Amino acid sequence: MSYSRGPQKGGRNKYYQRRKICRFCVDSELEINYKNPKALKQFITERGKIIPRRITGTCAKHQRKLGLAIKQARQIALLPFVGKAMH
């Protein structure tokens, strides 16, 4: 008895995903700094987690700097460690 998984998809994806570009590489005036929590808030979720680079589109170099800046801002209470409660 053979089990079928349904119709096989051949070829390419149905949707074209545009390549994300690092906004820090494009605009050299943008600076990653722990003293600027407004800019860093764009890279954390409402729960307080750091958004991964596959979603934000930042390059590896800037994602490392971003993570470090967020962690520094958390230590001196410019950013929260956790977000708001869900209930």
N, C-alpha and C. Protein backbone atom coordinates (compact mmCIF):
# COMPACT_ATOMS: atom_id res chain seq x y z
N MET A 1 0.85 -1.17 0.00
CA MET A 1 0.00 0.00 0.00
C MET A 1 0.90 1.24 0.00
N SER A 2 0.69 2.13 -0.94
CA SER A 2 1.50 3.35 -0.98
C SER A 2 0.65 4.52 -0.51
N TYR A 3 1.28 5.34 0.26
CA TYR A 3 0.60 6.52 0.79
C TYR A 3 0.99 7.73 -0.04
N SER A 4 0.03 8.42 -0.52
CA SER A 4 0.29 9.59 -1.34
C SER A 4 0.18 10.85 -0.48
N ARG A 5 1.02 11.76 -0.75
CA ARG A 5 0.99 13.04 -0.03
C ARG A 5 0.17 14.08 -0.76
N GLY A 6 -0.53 13.68 -1.74
CA GLY A 6 -1.32 14.63 -2.50
C GLY A 6 -0.56 15.03 -3.75
N PRO A 7 -1.08 16.00 -4.46
CA PRO A 7 -0.40 16.41 -5.71
C PRO A 7 0.97 17.01 -5.40
N GLN A 8 1.94 16.59 -6.18
CA GLN A 8 3.31 17.09 -5.99
C GLN A 8 3.46 18.45 -6.65
N LYS A 9 4.12 19.34 -5.96
CA LYS A 9 4.39 20.66 -6.52
C LYS A 9 5.73 20.60 -7.21
N GLY A 10 5.75 20.95 -8.42
CA GLY A 10 7.01 20.98 -9.16
C GLY A 10 7.34 22.40 -9.55
N GLY A 11 8.60 22.68 -9.67
CA GLY A 11 8.98 24.01 -10.14
C GLY A 11 9.25 24.98 -9.02
N ARG A 12 8.90 26.20 -9.28
CA ARG A 12 9.27 27.30 -8.38
C ARG A 12 8.16 27.65 -7.41
N ASN A 13 8.50 28.52 -6.47
CA ASN A 13 7.50 29.02 -5.52
C ASN A 13 6.46 29.87 -6.25
N LYS A 14 5.29 29.90 -5.68
CA LYS A 14 4.21 30.67 -6.27
C LYS A 14 4.45 32.17 -6.12
N TYR A 15 5.06 32.55 -5.00
CA TYR A 15 5.27 33.96 -4.71
C TYR A 15 6.75 34.29 -4.77
N TYR A 16 7.07 35.46 -5.28
CA TYR A 16 8.44 35.93 -5.37
C TYR A 16 8.76 36.77 -4.15
N GLN A 17 9.74 36.36 -3.38
CA GLN A 17 10.15 37.09 -2.18
C GLN A 17 11.29 38.04 -2.55
N ARG A 18 11.06 39.32 -2.40
CA ARG A 18 12.09 40.30 -2.72
C ARG A 18 13.22 40.22 -1.70
N ARG A 19 14.44 40.31 -2.16
CA ARG A 19 15.61 40.22 -1.30
C ARG A 19 15.61 41.42 -0.36
N LYS A 20 15.75 41.14 0.94
CA LYS A 20 15.78 42.22 1.92
C LYS A 20 17.19 42.81 1.95
N ILE A 21 17.25 44.12 2.13
CA ILE A 21 18.55 44.78 2.19
C ILE A 21 18.74 45.39 3.57
N CYS A 22 19.98 45.46 3.98
CA CYS A 22 20.30 46.01 5.29
C CYS A 22 20.19 47.54 5.24
N ARG A 23 19.35 48.09 6.09
CA ARG A 23 19.15 49.54 6.07
C ARG A 23 20.36 50.29 6.62
N PHE A 24 21.17 49.61 7.42
CA PHE A 24 22.37 50.26 7.97
C PHE A 24 23.49 50.30 6.94
N CYS A 25 23.53 49.31 6.04
CA CYS A 25 24.53 49.32 4.97
C CYS A 25 24.17 50.36 3.91
N VAL A 26 22.88 50.51 3.64
CA VAL A 26 22.43 51.45 2.61
C VAL A 26 22.64 52.89 3.06
N ASP A 27 22.21 53.21 4.27
CA ASP A 27 22.30 54.57 4.80
C ASP A 27 23.39 54.62 5.87
N SER A 28 24.54 55.17 5.52
CA SER A 28 25.67 55.19 6.46
C SER A 28 25.45 56.17 7.62
N GLU A 29 24.45 57.05 7.50
CA GLU A 29 24.18 57.99 8.59
C GLU A 29 23.42 57.34 9.74
N LEU A 30 22.73 56.24 9.47
CA LEU A 30 22.04 55.52 10.54
C LEU A 30 23.09 54.88 11.44
N GLU A 31 22.93 55.08 12.72
CA GLU A 31 23.90 54.56 13.67
C GLU A 31 23.20 53.67 14.68
N ILE A 32 23.83 52.54 15.00
CA ILE A 32 23.31 51.65 16.02
C ILE A 32 23.91 52.08 17.34
N ASN A 33 23.06 52.61 18.23
CA ASN A 33 23.55 53.13 19.49
C ASN A 33 22.55 52.77 20.60
N TYR A 34 23.06 52.28 21.71
CA TYR A 34 22.18 51.89 22.82
C TYR A 34 21.46 53.08 23.44
N LYS A 35 21.96 54.29 23.19
CA LYS A 35 21.36 55.49 23.77
C LYS A 35 20.11 55.95 23.01
N ASN A 36 19.79 55.29 21.91
CA ASN A 36 18.64 55.66 21.09
C ASN A 36 17.59 54.55 21.13
N PRO A 37 16.80 54.48 22.21
CA PRO A 37 15.83 53.38 22.33
C PRO A 37 14.70 53.44 21.30
N LYS A 38 14.40 54.62 20.77
CA LYS A 38 13.34 54.74 19.77
C LYS A 38 13.70 53.95 18.51
N ALA A 39 14.95 54.04 18.10
CA ALA A 39 15.40 53.32 16.91
C ALA A 39 15.49 51.82 17.18
N LEU A 40 15.90 51.45 18.40
CA LEU A 40 16.06 50.04 18.74
C LEU A 40 14.72 49.33 18.91
N LYS A 41 13.67 50.08 19.25
CA LYS A 41 12.35 49.49 19.46
C LYS A 41 11.79 48.85 18.20
N GLN A 42 12.25 49.31 17.04
CA GLN A 42 11.80 48.73 15.78
C GLN A 42 12.29 47.29 15.61
N PHE A 43 13.32 46.92 16.35
CA PHE A 43 13.94 45.61 16.18
C PHE A 43 13.62 44.65 17.32
N ILE A 44 12.66 45.01 18.18
CA ILE A 44 12.20 44.07 19.20
C ILE A 44 10.68 43.92 19.08
N THR A 45 10.18 42.75 19.47
CA THR A 45 8.74 42.50 19.41
C THR A 45 8.05 43.16 20.60
N GLU A 46 6.73 43.11 20.61
CA GLU A 46 5.99 43.68 21.75
C GLU A 46 6.23 42.86 23.01
N ARG A 47 6.71 41.63 22.84
CA ARG A 47 7.05 40.79 23.98
C ARG A 47 8.46 41.07 24.49
N GLY A 48 9.26 41.82 23.74
CA GLY A 48 10.61 42.16 24.16
C GLY A 48 11.70 41.33 23.53
N LYS A 49 11.35 40.45 22.58
CA LYS A 49 12.35 39.60 21.93
C LYS A 49 13.00 40.34 20.77
N ILE A 50 14.26 40.03 20.52
CA ILE A 50 14.97 40.62 19.39
C ILE A 50 14.50 39.92 18.12
N ILE A 51 14.12 40.71 17.11
CA ILE A 51 13.63 40.15 15.85
C ILE A 51 14.83 39.64 15.04
N PRO A 52 14.75 38.41 14.50
CA PRO A 52 15.88 37.84 13.76
C PRO A 52 16.14 38.55 12.44
N ARG A 53 17.35 38.38 11.96
CA ARG A 53 17.75 39.10 10.75
C ARG A 53 17.06 38.59 9.50
N ARG A 54 16.58 37.36 9.50
CA ARG A 54 15.86 36.86 8.32
C ARG A 54 14.54 37.59 8.14
N ILE A 55 14.03 38.19 9.21
CA ILE A 55 12.78 38.96 9.13
C ILE A 55 13.08 40.44 8.89
N THR A 56 14.05 41.00 9.63
CA THR A 56 14.34 42.43 9.49
C THR A 56 15.14 42.74 8.24
N GLY A 57 15.97 41.80 7.78
CA GLY A 57 16.76 42.03 6.58
C GLY A 57 18.11 42.65 6.84
N THR A 58 18.51 42.79 8.10
CA THR A 58 19.82 43.35 8.39
C THR A 58 20.91 42.32 8.10
N CYS A 59 22.11 42.79 7.80
CA CYS A 59 23.22 41.88 7.54
C CYS A 59 23.75 41.35 8.87
N ALA A 60 24.59 40.34 8.80
CA ALA A 60 25.08 39.67 10.01
C ALA A 60 25.87 40.62 10.90
N LYS A 61 26.70 41.45 10.28
CA LYS A 61 27.53 42.39 11.04
C LYS A 61 26.67 43.36 11.85
N HIS A 62 25.67 43.93 11.19
CA HIS A 62 24.83 44.91 11.87
C HIS A 62 23.86 44.25 12.84
N GLN A 63 23.46 43.00 12.59
CA GLN A 63 22.58 42.30 13.52
C GLN A 63 23.30 42.04 14.84
N ARG A 64 24.60 41.73 14.76
CA ARG A 64 25.39 41.53 15.99
C ARG A 64 25.49 42.83 16.78
N LYS A 65 25.74 43.93 16.09
CA LYS A 65 25.81 45.24 16.76
C LYS A 65 24.45 45.62 17.35
N LEU A 66 23.41 45.29 16.62
CA LEU A 66 22.05 45.59 17.05
C LEU A 66 21.70 44.82 18.32
N GLY A 67 22.02 43.54 18.34
CA GLY A 67 21.76 42.72 19.52
C GLY A 67 22.50 43.22 20.74
N LEU A 68 23.75 43.60 20.54
CA LEU A 68 24.56 44.14 21.63
C LEU A 68 23.98 45.45 22.16
N ALA A 69 23.56 46.34 21.25
CA ALA A 69 22.99 47.62 21.65
C ALA A 69 21.67 47.43 22.40
N ILE A 70 20.85 46.49 21.96
CA ILE A 70 19.59 46.22 22.65
C ILE A 70 19.85 45.69 24.05
N LYS A 71 20.81 44.80 24.18
CA LYS A 71 21.14 44.24 25.49
C LYS A 71 21.71 45.30 26.43
N GLN A 72 22.52 46.22 25.89
CA GLN A 72 23.05 47.32 26.70
C GLN A 72 21.93 48.24 27.15
N ALA A 73 21.00 48.53 26.24
CA ALA A 73 19.87 49.42 26.57
C ALA A 73 18.97 48.77 27.62
N ARG A 74 18.85 47.47 27.59
CA ARG A 74 18.07 46.77 28.61
C ARG A 74 18.73 46.87 29.98
N GLN A 75 20.04 46.75 30.01
CA GLN A 75 20.77 46.78 31.27
C GLN A 75 20.61 48.12 31.99
N ILE A 76 20.57 49.22 31.23
CA ILE A 76 20.43 50.52 31.88
C ILE A 76 18.98 51.03 31.83
N ALA A 77 18.05 50.09 31.60
CA ALA A 77 16.60 50.33 31.68
C ALA A 77 16.06 51.32 30.66
N LEU A 78 16.67 51.38 29.47
CA LEU A 78 16.09 52.17 28.39
C LEU A 78 15.08 51.35 27.60
N LEU A 79 15.27 50.02 27.59
CA LEU A 79 14.35 49.10 26.94
C LEU A 79 13.93 48.03 27.96
N PRO A 80 12.73 47.49 27.81
CA PRO A 80 12.29 46.44 28.74
C PRO A 80 12.89 45.09 28.40
N PHE A 81 13.07 44.26 29.42
CA PHE A 81 13.50 42.87 29.18
C PHE A 81 12.32 42.06 28.65
N VAL A 82 11.13 42.32 29.19
CA VAL A 82 9.92 41.63 28.74
C VAL A 82 8.86 42.67 28.38
N GLY A 83 7.93 42.28 27.53
CA GLY A 83 6.86 43.17 27.13
C GLY A 83 5.71 43.16 28.11
N LYS A 84 4.57 43.59 27.64
CA LYS A 84 3.37 43.64 28.48
C LYS A 84 2.77 42.24 28.63
N ALA A 85 2.07 42.03 29.72
CA ALA A 85 1.42 40.74 29.98
C ALA A 85 0.27 40.53 28.98
N MET A 86 0.06 39.29 28.60
CA MET A 86 -0.96 38.98 27.59
C MET A 86 -2.37 38.89 28.16
N HIS A 87 -2.54 38.71 29.47
CA HIS A 87 -3.89 38.55 29.99
C HIS A 87 -4.44 39.82 30.48
